[in-house]
Protein backbone atom coordinates (compact mmCIF):
# COMPACT_ATOMS: atom_id res chain seq x y z
CA MET A 1 0.00 0.00 0.00
CA ALA A 2 1.16 3.45 -0.70
CA SER A 3 1.94 5.74 2.13
CA SER A 4 -0.66 8.42 2.87
CA SER A 5 2.08 10.92 3.33
CA GLN A 6 3.12 10.62 -0.29
CA GLN A 7 2.71 13.98 -2.03
CA ARG A 8 1.17 14.33 -5.47
CA VAL A 9 3.42 15.99 -8.07
CA ILE A 10 1.83 18.97 -9.84
CA HIS A 11 3.39 20.29 -13.05
CA GLN A 12 3.17 24.04 -13.50
CA ASP A 13 4.35 26.05 -16.49
CA TYR A 14 6.62 28.99 -15.86
CA ILE A 15 5.13 32.30 -16.97
CA ALA A 16 7.49 35.24 -17.27
CA ARG A 17 6.03 38.72 -17.59
CA ILE A 18 8.31 40.90 -19.65
CA ARG A 19 7.95 44.64 -19.47
CA TYR A 20 9.21 46.91 -22.22
CA SER A 21 9.80 50.58 -22.04
CA ASN A 22 7.32 52.74 -23.97
CA ALA A 23 9.35 55.90 -24.28
CA LEU A 24 8.06 58.52 -26.72
CA PRO A 25 10.26 59.03 -29.76
CA PRO A 26 11.86 62.40 -30.33
CA PRO A 27 9.90 64.85 -32.50
CA PRO A 28 10.43 64.13 -36.20
CA ASN A 29 10.88 67.78 -37.16
CA PRO A 30 13.99 69.24 -35.56
CA PRO A 31 14.33 73.01 -35.63
CA LYS A 32 16.17 74.43 -38.61
CA LEU A 33 17.08 77.82 -40.01
CA LEU A 34 15.23 79.10 -43.06
CA ASP A 35 16.84 81.19 -45.78
CA ILE A 36 14.37 84.06 -46.07
CA PRO A 37 15.17 86.69 -48.73
CA ASN A 38 15.63 90.12 -47.24
CA THR A 39 13.30 92.43 -49.11
CA GLY A 40 12.98 95.03 -46.39
CA LEU A 41 10.08 96.07 -44.23
CA ALA A 42 8.97 98.68 -46.73
CA SER A 43 7.71 96.01 -49.14
CA GLY A 44 5.10 94.81 -46.64
CA GLN A 45 5.66 91.13 -47.40
CA TYR A 46 6.50 90.19 -43.82
CA THR A 47 3.16 91.42 -42.50
CA THR A 48 0.88 89.69 -45.02
CA PRO A 49 -0.71 86.32 -44.10
CA GLY A 50 0.39 84.79 -47.39
CA PHE A 51 4.07 85.19 -46.53
CA ALA A 52 4.02 82.52 -43.83
CA SER A 53 1.80 80.27 -45.95
CA ARG A 54 4.27 80.45 -48.81
CA LEU A 55 7.13 79.51 -46.48
CA ALA A 56 5.16 76.53 -45.19
CA ARG A 57 4.51 75.31 -48.75
CA ASP A 58 8.11 75.73 -49.85
CA GLN A 59 9.56 73.75 -46.91
CA PRO A 60 8.90 70.00 -47.28
CA LEU A 61 8.28 67.96 -44.14
CA ASN A 62 10.88 65.37 -43.30
CA ILE A 63 8.74 62.74 -41.58
CA GLU A 64 10.40 59.37 -41.07
CA ALA A 65 7.89 56.89 -39.70
CA ASP A 66 9.09 53.73 -38.02
CA ALA A 67 7.63 50.26 -38.48
CA GLU A 68 4.86 50.99 -35.96
CA LEU A 69 4.04 54.43 -37.46
CA GLY A 70 4.85 56.23 -34.22
CA MET A 71 2.31 54.29 -32.13
CA PRO A 72 3.99 51.23 -30.60
CA LEU A 73 1.62 48.64 -29.22
CA ASP A 74 2.55 47.28 -25.78
CA LEU A 75 0.44 44.42 -24.49
CA VAL A 76 2.21 44.38 -21.15
CA GLY A 77 -0.05 45.68 -18.43
CA MET A 78 -3.31 44.52 -19.98
CA PRO A 79 -4.97 42.10 -17.55
CA GLY A 80 -5.23 38.50 -18.70
CA ILE A 81 -3.68 39.05 -22.12
CA PHE A 82 -1.03 36.34 -21.61
CA ASP A 83 -3.57 33.92 -20.12
CA GLY A 84 -5.75 33.87 -23.22
CA ASP A 85 -8.22 36.47 -21.99
CA GLU A 86 -8.56 39.11 -24.72
CA SER A 87 -11.50 40.95 -23.21
CA SER A 88 -9.31 43.91 -22.32
CA ILE A 89 -8.48 44.65 -25.99
CA GLN A 90 -11.93 43.94 -27.42
CA ALA A 91 -14.89 46.25 -27.64
CA PRO A 92 -17.60 45.62 -25.03
CA LEU A 93 -20.67 43.70 -26.12
CA GLN A 94 -22.93 46.46 -24.86
CA ALA A 95 -22.04 50.00 -25.79
CA PRO A 96 -21.67 52.33 -22.81
CA PRO A 97 -24.32 55.02 -22.41
CA VAL A 98 -23.72 58.23 -24.32
CA HIS A 99 -23.11 61.35 -22.29
CA PRO A 100 -25.89 63.93 -22.69
CA HIS A 101 -23.37 66.46 -24.01
CA ASP A 102 -22.38 64.08 -26.84
CA ARG A 103 -25.85 63.13 -28.05
CA ALA A 104 -26.00 66.11 -30.39
CA LEU A 105 -22.93 64.76 -32.23
CA LEU A 106 -24.70 61.47 -33.05
CA ARG A 107 -27.63 63.05 -34.85
CA PRO A 108 -28.24 61.73 -38.40
CA LEU A 109 -27.51 63.96 -41.36
CA SER A 110 -31.19 64.18 -42.30
CA THR A 111 -31.99 66.00 -39.04
CA LEU A 112 -29.34 68.67 -39.51
CA GLY A 113 -30.40 72.15 -40.59
CA LYS A 114 -33.43 74.16 -39.66
CA PRO A 115 -35.80 72.34 -37.33
CA LYS A 116 -39.16 71.36 -38.82
CA PHE A 117 -42.12 71.75 -36.54
CA SER A 118 -44.80 69.14 -36.96
CA ASP A 119 -48.42 69.96 -36.27
CA SER A 120 -49.40 66.31 -35.85
CA GLY A 121 -51.34 65.74 -32.71
CA VAL A 122 -52.50 69.35 -32.47
CA SER A 123 -56.17 69.56 -33.44
CA PHE A 124 -56.72 73.31 -33.20
CA LEU A 125 -53.89 74.40 -35.56
CA ARG A 126 -54.51 74.92 -39.28
CA ARG A 127 -52.27 75.72 -42.19
CA THR A 128 -52.12 79.42 -42.96
CA GLU A 129 -54.49 80.53 -45.74
CA TYR A 130 -54.07 83.86 -47.55
CA ILE A 131 -57.06 85.84 -48.77
CA SER A 132 -56.81 87.18 -52.35
CA SER A 133 -59.07 88.17 -55.24
CA TYR A 134 -57.93 85.19 -57.36
CA THR A 135 -60.57 82.51 -57.76
CA SER A 136 -59.51 79.00 -58.55
CA LYS A 137 -60.86 77.48 -61.74
CA SER A 138 -61.57 74.25 -59.96
CA ARG A 139 -64.13 75.97 -57.71
CA PHE A 140 -67.56 74.45 -58.13
CA GLU A 141 -70.42 77.02 -58.09
CA SER A 142 -73.08 75.25 -60.16
CA THR A 143 -76.32 73.99 -58.75
CA THR A 144 -76.21 70.95 -61.00
CA SER A 145 -75.11 67.68 -59.52
CA ARG A 146 -71.32 67.34 -59.52
CA SER A 147 -71.44 63.77 -60.79
CA LEU A 148 -73.63 64.84 -63.73
CA VAL A 149 -71.26 67.66 -64.69
CA ASP A 150 -68.22 65.37 -64.54
CA THR A 151 -69.75 62.76 -66.82
CA THR A 152 -71.16 65.23 -69.37
CA GLY A 153 -69.18 65.23 -72.62
CA ASN A 154 -66.75 62.55 -71.49
CA ARG A 155 -66.46 59.20 -73.15
CA LYS A 156 -66.95 56.13 -71.13
CA LYS A 157 -63.63 54.69 -70.15
CA ARG A 158 -62.88 51.28 -71.48
CA ALA A 159 -62.18 48.49 -69.11
CA PRO A 160 -58.47 47.67 -68.95
CA GLU A 161 -57.58 44.77 -71.19
CA ASN A 162 -55.55 41.91 -69.84
CA LEU A 163 -52.75 41.79 -72.42
CA ASP A 164 -50.14 39.12 -72.31
CA LYS A 165 -46.94 41.01 -73.12
CA GLU A 166 -45.11 37.75 -73.67
CA SER A 167 -47.49 36.48 -76.36
CA PRO A 168 -46.23 36.38 -79.97
CA GLU A 169 -49.21 38.48 -81.16
CA TYR A 170 -48.43 41.32 -78.77
CA ILE A 171 -44.73 41.29 -79.64
CA LYS A 172 -45.54 41.31 -83.36
CA ASN A 173 -47.92 44.26 -82.98
CA GLN A 174 -45.38 46.24 -81.00
CA VAL A 175 -42.64 45.56 -83.56
CA GLU A 176 -44.87 46.64 -86.45
CA ARG A 177 -45.93 49.73 -84.53
CA SER A 178 -42.29 50.67 -83.89
CA PHE A 179 -41.55 50.45 -87.61
CA SER A 180 -44.51 52.69 -88.46
CA VAL A 181 -43.49 55.26 -85.84
CA ALA A 182 -39.90 55.22 -87.12
CA ALA A 183 -41.10 55.69 -90.71
CA GLN A 184 -43.20 58.69 -89.73
CA SER A 185 -40.28 60.21 -87.80
CA LEU A 186 -37.93 59.76 -90.76
CA LYS A 187 -40.47 61.19 -93.18
CA SER A 188 -41.16 64.41 -91.28
CA GLY A 189 -37.97 64.85 -89.26
CA GLN A 190 -39.53 67.35 -86.91
CA PHE A 191 -40.29 64.77 -84.24
CA THR A 192 -36.71 63.48 -84.10
CA LYS A 193 -34.80 65.27 -81.34
CA HIS A 194 -31.45 64.78 -79.69
CA PRO A 195 -31.82 63.28 -76.20
CA THR A 196 -29.54 65.82 -74.51
CA LYS A 197 -28.71 68.67 -76.94
CA LYS A 198 -32.01 70.37 -77.69
CA ASN A 199 -30.56 72.95 -80.12
CA LEU A 200 -29.51 70.36 -82.72
CA LYS A 201 -31.62 69.77 -85.81
CA LEU A 202 -31.86 66.62 -87.88
CA VAL A 203 -29.96 66.99 -91.17
CA ASP A 204 -30.23 63.45 -92.55
CA ALA A 205 -31.43 60.08 -91.29
CA PHE A 206 -30.56 56.51 -92.28
CA PRO A 207 -32.63 53.43 -91.45
CA LEU A 208 -30.74 50.75 -89.51
CA LEU A 209 -30.94 47.45 -91.43
CA PRO A 210 -29.09 44.12 -91.43
CA ASP A 211 -26.97 43.36 -94.47
CA LEU A 212 -28.39 39.92 -95.31
CA THR A 213 -26.07 39.46 -98.32
CA ALA A 214 -22.84 39.92 -96.36
CA PHE A 215 -23.02 37.04 -93.89
CA PRO A 216 -19.92 34.82 -93.88
CA ASP A 217 -20.19 31.07 -93.49
CA ALA A 218 -19.72 31.42 -89.69
CA GLY A 219 -22.71 33.78 -89.34
CA GLY A 220 -20.74 36.77 -88.13
CA TYR A 221 -17.36 38.44 -87.84
CA VAL A 222 -14.50 38.27 -85.35
CA SER A 223 -12.84 41.35 -83.82
CA ILE A 224 -9.12 40.76 -83.23
CA LYS A 225 -6.93 43.16 -81.25
CA PHE A 226 -3.12 43.06 -81.07
CA LEU A 227 -1.81 43.58 -77.55
CA ALA A 228 1.56 44.60 -79.02
CA ASN A 229 2.55 46.34 -82.25
CA PRO A 230 3.01 43.61 -84.89
CA LEU A 231 5.43 45.79 -86.87
CA PRO A 232 8.42 47.92 -85.87
CA PRO A 233 7.42 51.37 -84.59
CA SER A 234 7.09 54.01 -87.27
CA ASN A 235 5.60 57.46 -87.78
CA VAL A 236 3.57 56.26 -90.79
CA TYR A 237 0.65 53.83 -90.60
CA ASP A 238 1.34 50.67 -92.58
CA LEU A 239 -1.68 49.92 -94.79
CA ARG A 240 -0.55 46.31 -95.17
CA LEU A 241 -2.11 45.58 -91.78
CA GLU A 242 -5.58 46.06 -93.29
CA ASN A 243 -4.90 43.25 -95.79
CA SER A 244 -2.99 40.77 -93.66
CA ILE A 245 -3.74 37.10 -92.92
CA LEU A 246 -4.07 35.52 -89.48
CA LYS A 247 -4.00 31.75 -90.01
CA PRO A 248 -4.88 29.36 -87.13
CA MET A 249 -2.29 26.66 -86.56
CA GLU A 250 -3.31 23.05 -87.06
CA PRO A 251 -4.01 21.55 -83.61
CA ASP A 252 -2.16 18.51 -82.40
CA GLU A 253 -4.40 15.42 -82.33
CA GLN A 254 -2.96 14.18 -79.04
CA LEU A 255 -3.41 17.58 -77.42
CA GLU A 256 -6.98 17.91 -78.74
CA GLN A 257 -7.83 14.52 -77.25
CA ILE A 258 -6.46 15.60 -73.86
CA LYS A 259 -8.46 18.85 -74.05
CA ALA A 260 -11.65 16.96 -74.93
CA GLU A 261 -11.23 14.68 -71.90
CA ALA A 262 -10.51 17.65 -69.62
CA ARG A 263 -13.54 19.52 -71.03
CA GLU A 264 -15.78 16.52 -70.35
CA LEU A 265 -14.51 16.21 -66.78
CA HIS A 266 -15.04 19.95 -66.21
CA GLN A 267 -18.64 19.73 -67.43
CA ARG A 268 -19.24 16.78 -65.15
CA ASP A 269 -17.69 18.28 -61.99
CA PRO A 270 -16.62 21.95 -62.39
CA GLU A 271 -15.51 22.33 -58.78
CA ARG A 272 -13.08 19.45 -58.87
CA TYR A 273 -11.76 19.62 -62.42
CA PRO A 274 -10.67 23.02 -63.85
CA ALA A 275 -11.56 24.10 -67.35
CA PRO A 276 -8.94 23.31 -70.00
CA ASP A 277 -6.87 25.95 -71.71
CA GLU A 278 -8.87 27.00 -74.78
CA SER A 279 -6.25 29.38 -76.18
CA MET A 280 -5.49 29.12 -79.90
CA GLU A 281 -2.28 29.63 -81.83
CA TYR A 282 -2.04 31.74 -84.97
CA GLU A 283 0.49 32.61 -87.65
CA PHE A 284 0.57 36.20 -88.91
CA TYR A 285 1.36 36.88 -92.59
CA LEU A 286 1.94 40.10 -94.54
CA THR A 287 2.73 41.00 -98.12
CA GLU A 288 6.24 42.22 -98.78
CA THR A 289 5.19 45.41 -100.59
CA LEU A 290 2.34 47.88 -100.21
CA GLY A 291 1.36 47.55 -103.88
CA GLU A 292 0.64 43.84 -103.46
CA ALA A 293 -1.59 44.60 -100.47
CA MET A 294 -3.57 47.20 -102.44
CA LYS A 295 -4.11 44.76 -105.34
CA PHE A 296 -5.21 42.11 -102.87
CA LYS A 297 -7.76 44.56 -101.48
CA ARG A 298 -9.13 45.28 -104.96
CA LYS A 299 -9.99 41.59 -105.40
CA PHE A 300 -12.59 41.93 -102.62
CA ASP A 301 -14.03 45.25 -103.81
CA THR A 302 -17.38 44.46 -105.44
CA LEU A 303 -17.61 48.02 -106.81
CA ASP A 304 -14.34 47.63 -108.74
CA SER A 305 -15.11 46.58 -112.31
CA ASP A 306 -11.63 45.05 -112.73
CA ASN A 307 -11.64 42.91 -109.59
CA ASP A 308 -11.73 39.69 -111.68
CA ASP A 309 -8.70 40.66 -113.74
CA GLU A 310 -5.94 38.05 -113.57
CA ASP A 311 -3.30 40.75 -113.93
CA LEU A 312 -3.92 41.80 -110.34
CA TYR A 313 -2.10 38.71 -109.09
CA THR A 314 1.58 39.35 -108.43
CA GLN A 315 2.92 35.77 -108.15
CA LYS A 316 2.51 32.34 -109.73
CA ASP A 317 1.82 29.19 -107.73
CA GLY A 318 3.08 25.68 -108.49
CA GLN A 319 0.32 25.08 -111.03
CA GLY A 320 1.04 28.28 -112.94
CA GLN A 321 -2.02 30.15 -111.69
CA GLY A 322 -1.89 33.70 -110.37
CA CYS A 323 -1.79 34.25 -106.62
CA PHE A 324 -0.72 36.62 -103.86
CA ARG A 325 2.23 35.62 -101.69
CA PHE A 326 2.23 36.43 -97.98
CA LYS A 327 5.31 36.15 -95.79
CA ARG A 328 5.18 34.80 -92.24
CA ILE A 329 5.95 37.46 -89.61
CA ARG A 330 5.64 35.58 -86.33
CA ALA A 331 3.41 33.32 -84.23
CA TYR A 332 0.67 34.61 -81.93
CA GLU A 333 -1.55 33.12 -79.26
CA SER A 334 -4.92 34.20 -77.92
CA ALA A 335 -4.79 36.01 -74.57
CA SER A 336 -8.56 36.34 -74.02
CA THR A 337 -11.67 35.34 -75.96
CA THR A 338 -15.20 36.62 -75.30
CA GLY A 339 -18.54 36.23 -77.05
CA ASN A 340 -20.44 33.44 -78.78
CA THR A 341 -23.20 32.92 -81.32
CA ALA A 342 -26.02 33.34 -78.79
CA ASP A 343 -25.19 37.00 -77.99
CA LYS A 344 -23.63 38.23 -81.26
CA TYR A 345 -26.20 41.06 -81.51
CA ASP A 346 -26.22 42.01 -77.83
CA GLU A 347 -22.89 43.66 -77.01
CA GLU A 348 -21.16 44.97 -80.12
CA VAL A 349 -21.93 45.27 -83.86
CA CYS A 350 -20.19 46.90 -86.82
CA ILE A 351 -22.06 49.62 -88.74
CA ALA A 352 -21.41 50.72 -92.33
CA VAL A 353 -23.26 53.75 -93.75
CA HIS A 354 -24.20 53.67 -97.47
CA ASP A 355 -25.58 56.67 -99.32
CA GLY A 356 -27.30 54.48 -101.94
CA LYS A 357 -25.25 55.75 -104.89
CA ASP A 358 -23.26 52.56 -105.50
CA GLY A 359 -26.18 50.72 -107.12
CA VAL A 360 -25.84 47.75 -104.76
CA HIS A 361 -27.13 48.98 -101.41
CA GLN A 362 -30.02 51.27 -100.63
CA LYS A 363 -29.56 54.33 -98.46
CA ALA A 364 -29.23 52.89 -94.97
CA ALA A 365 -26.88 52.11 -92.10
CA TYR A 366 -26.14 48.38 -92.20
CA TYR A 367 -25.05 46.49 -89.11
CA TYR A 368 -22.96 43.33 -88.98
CA PRO A 369 -22.81 40.96 -85.99
CA VAL A 370 -19.60 40.32 -84.06
CA LEU A 371 -19.30 36.71 -82.94
CA GLN A 372 -16.15 36.96 -80.85
CA LYS A 373 -13.64 39.49 -79.60
CA ILE A 374 -10.13 38.05 -79.37
CA GLN A 375 -7.00 39.64 -77.97
CA ILE A 376 -3.78 38.09 -79.25
CA ARG A 377 -0.21 38.47 -78.08
CA PRO A 378 3.13 37.27 -79.45
CA GLN A 379 3.71 33.64 -78.61
CA ARG A 380 6.19 33.30 -75.81
CA THR A 381 9.37 31.23 -76.05
CA LYS A 382 8.14 29.02 -73.22
CA ASN A 383 5.02 28.04 -75.15
CA ILE A 384 7.06 27.44 -78.30
CA ASN A 385 9.34 25.04 -76.38
CA ILE A 386 6.28 23.24 -75.02
CA LYS A 387 4.96 22.84 -78.53
CA ARG A 388 8.36 21.57 -79.70
CA ASN A 389 8.43 18.96 -76.96
CA ARG A 390 4.87 17.98 -77.83
CA PHE A 391 5.95 17.53 -81.44
CA GLN A 392 8.74 15.26 -80.21
CA GLY A 393 11.07 16.29 -82.95
CA THR A 394 14.27 18.21 -83.42
CA GLN A 395 14.46 21.92 -84.11
CA ASP A 396 14.97 21.25 -87.83
CA GLU A 397 11.81 19.13 -87.99
CA VAL A 398 9.82 21.84 -86.20
CA SER A 399 11.11 24.50 -88.61
CA ARG A 400 10.16 22.31 -91.59
CA ALA A 401 6.61 21.98 -90.22
CA GLN A 402 6.37 25.77 -90.01
CA THR A 403 4.84 27.59 -93.01
CA ASP A 404 7.06 30.44 -94.19
CA PHE A 405 4.97 31.62 -97.17
CA VAL A 406 1.28 31.34 -98.05
CA ASP A 407 -0.04 31.66 -101.61
CA VAL A 408 -3.60 33.00 -101.74
CA ARG A 409 -5.98 32.94 -104.67
CA VAL A 410 -9.40 34.63 -104.44
CA GLU A 411 -12.31 32.64 -105.85
CA ALA A 412 -16.11 32.84 -105.64
CA PRO A 413 -17.82 30.66 -103.00
CA ASP A 414 -19.19 27.33 -104.13
CA ALA A 415 -22.83 26.25 -103.81
CA LYS A 416 -22.35 24.60 -100.40
CA MET A 417 -20.71 27.64 -98.82
CA GLN A 418 -23.27 29.95 -100.42
CA ALA A 419 -26.09 27.85 -98.91
CA GLU A 420 -24.46 28.09 -95.48
CA ARG A 421 -24.21 31.87 -95.83
CA ASP A 422 -27.81 32.28 -97.06
CA MET A 423 -29.07 30.27 -94.09
CA TYR A 424 -28.33 33.17 -91.70
CA ALA A 425 -30.67 35.46 -93.66
CA ILE A 426 -33.56 33.25 -92.44
CA TYR A 427 -32.09 32.01 -89.15
CA PRO A 428 -30.00 34.87 -87.68
CA TYR A 429 -28.63 32.69 -84.85
CA GLY A 430 -28.26 29.54 -86.92
CA LYS A 431 -30.38 26.42 -87.07
CA ASP A 432 -31.12 24.34 -84.00
CA ASP A 433 -30.57 20.62 -83.92
CA ASP A 434 -34.32 19.96 -84.03
CA GLU A 435 -34.74 22.09 -87.15
CA GLU A 436 -31.85 20.33 -88.88
CA ASP A 437 -33.34 16.93 -88.02
CA ASP A 438 -36.75 17.99 -89.38
CA GLU A 439 -35.22 19.21 -92.63
CA GLY A 440 -33.18 16.03 -92.95
CA GLU A 441 -36.29 13.88 -92.48
CA ALA A 442 -38.26 15.99 -94.98
CA ARG A 443 -35.44 15.69 -97.51
CA LYS A 444 -35.29 11.93 -96.97
CA ASP A 445 -39.05 11.58 -97.43
CA GLY A 446 -38.83 13.56 -100.67
CA GLU A 447 -36.09 11.31 -101.97
CA ASP A 448 -38.10 8.20 -101.07
CA GLU A 449 -41.17 9.53 -102.91
CA GLY A 450 -39.02 10.35 -105.93
CA SER A 451 -37.57 6.83 -106.00
CA GLN A 452 -41.06 5.33 -105.78
CA ASN A 453 -42.26 7.46 -108.67
CA ASP A 454 -39.27 6.36 -110.73
CA GLU A 455 -40.18 2.72 -110.13
């Protein structure tokens, strides 16, 4: 048995309270002598208030703040701070009562100013009324019944109709009404006013119409912005940039397969799997001379009667046909991409104004949808090395895979591409999958009927 006199051992941590001195630092602005120009007392500069203000502005303050900005924090002396009790440095849960002298400082801003006396609750006070010889027109002095006078000569109000503003009929009526109102405003011109500048008068007006004959096969255009100057800096704008070529690089099959798998995982679980890198790589090409760029531009000018002339081509390809030769400048990659087909009319469109004298367009302002806005930057050396390792070839093999020159020949679109372009005149946002399936079934039924008739 253990002895009753045996003492129990108690372990106790040693707590040392360290006190630091909290001496105030010396003032940061020591006295110094100022070099004041001696202009004499007769000038009166020493007695003006602006003289001292000018001296204060001319002398900069030499303030050197320490790491604690002149207010060192010393936790020594606060009760319970080293024992885990932080109540001494925290705000109290219940705010202390405000002194009566300080209540005026806590008034809200809406109560500041002249006091407003309220007559609520006082039954014998009335608003002041002034007596004058003016008689209000709304004063009723007739002996006829007021209800009979009010209804005389007035049409019976119609009961409010319950219109469904989301119905196709209501939307169609409103659209047609907007066109009629716009036509009347354009015809007269006197009802069209500037929203802010009232002194401006309408000189000429153009209807805003879509150019249904200028849709590309993608259904819209792409706005591309260079984040860096693609050419050496110069004082003259290089017109070759308006007729350059930005060619997307052919994607690697292995990399595209990895991106497809990552895209599928991201759609399945976005929180766990990040979205893959959807940046694209481009090659930028320019003509070597300005004259070649201007001839290349003439090939796309529908108003130029000689745009089909073969003499406009400046080079010959391997088959002996005329072409334009573009030289590779450097590789680019997309930095950011915004926009899609669903909102190509919502954020930004391009507008071209035609006066109707070209014989092709009527007088109107035509708008063109912008599918995407892309910002591109020069491809970095790191990304080029990654691509080289992905290619798994030597530097010579990578350089052979790179296209140094591109020969371009301008030709009219074929029937398939023309059909894809004409589709957007009927379906501005493109066909849905259901519509394509319906057309495919209708086409198949027509072919089956034709084969039966042939039999």
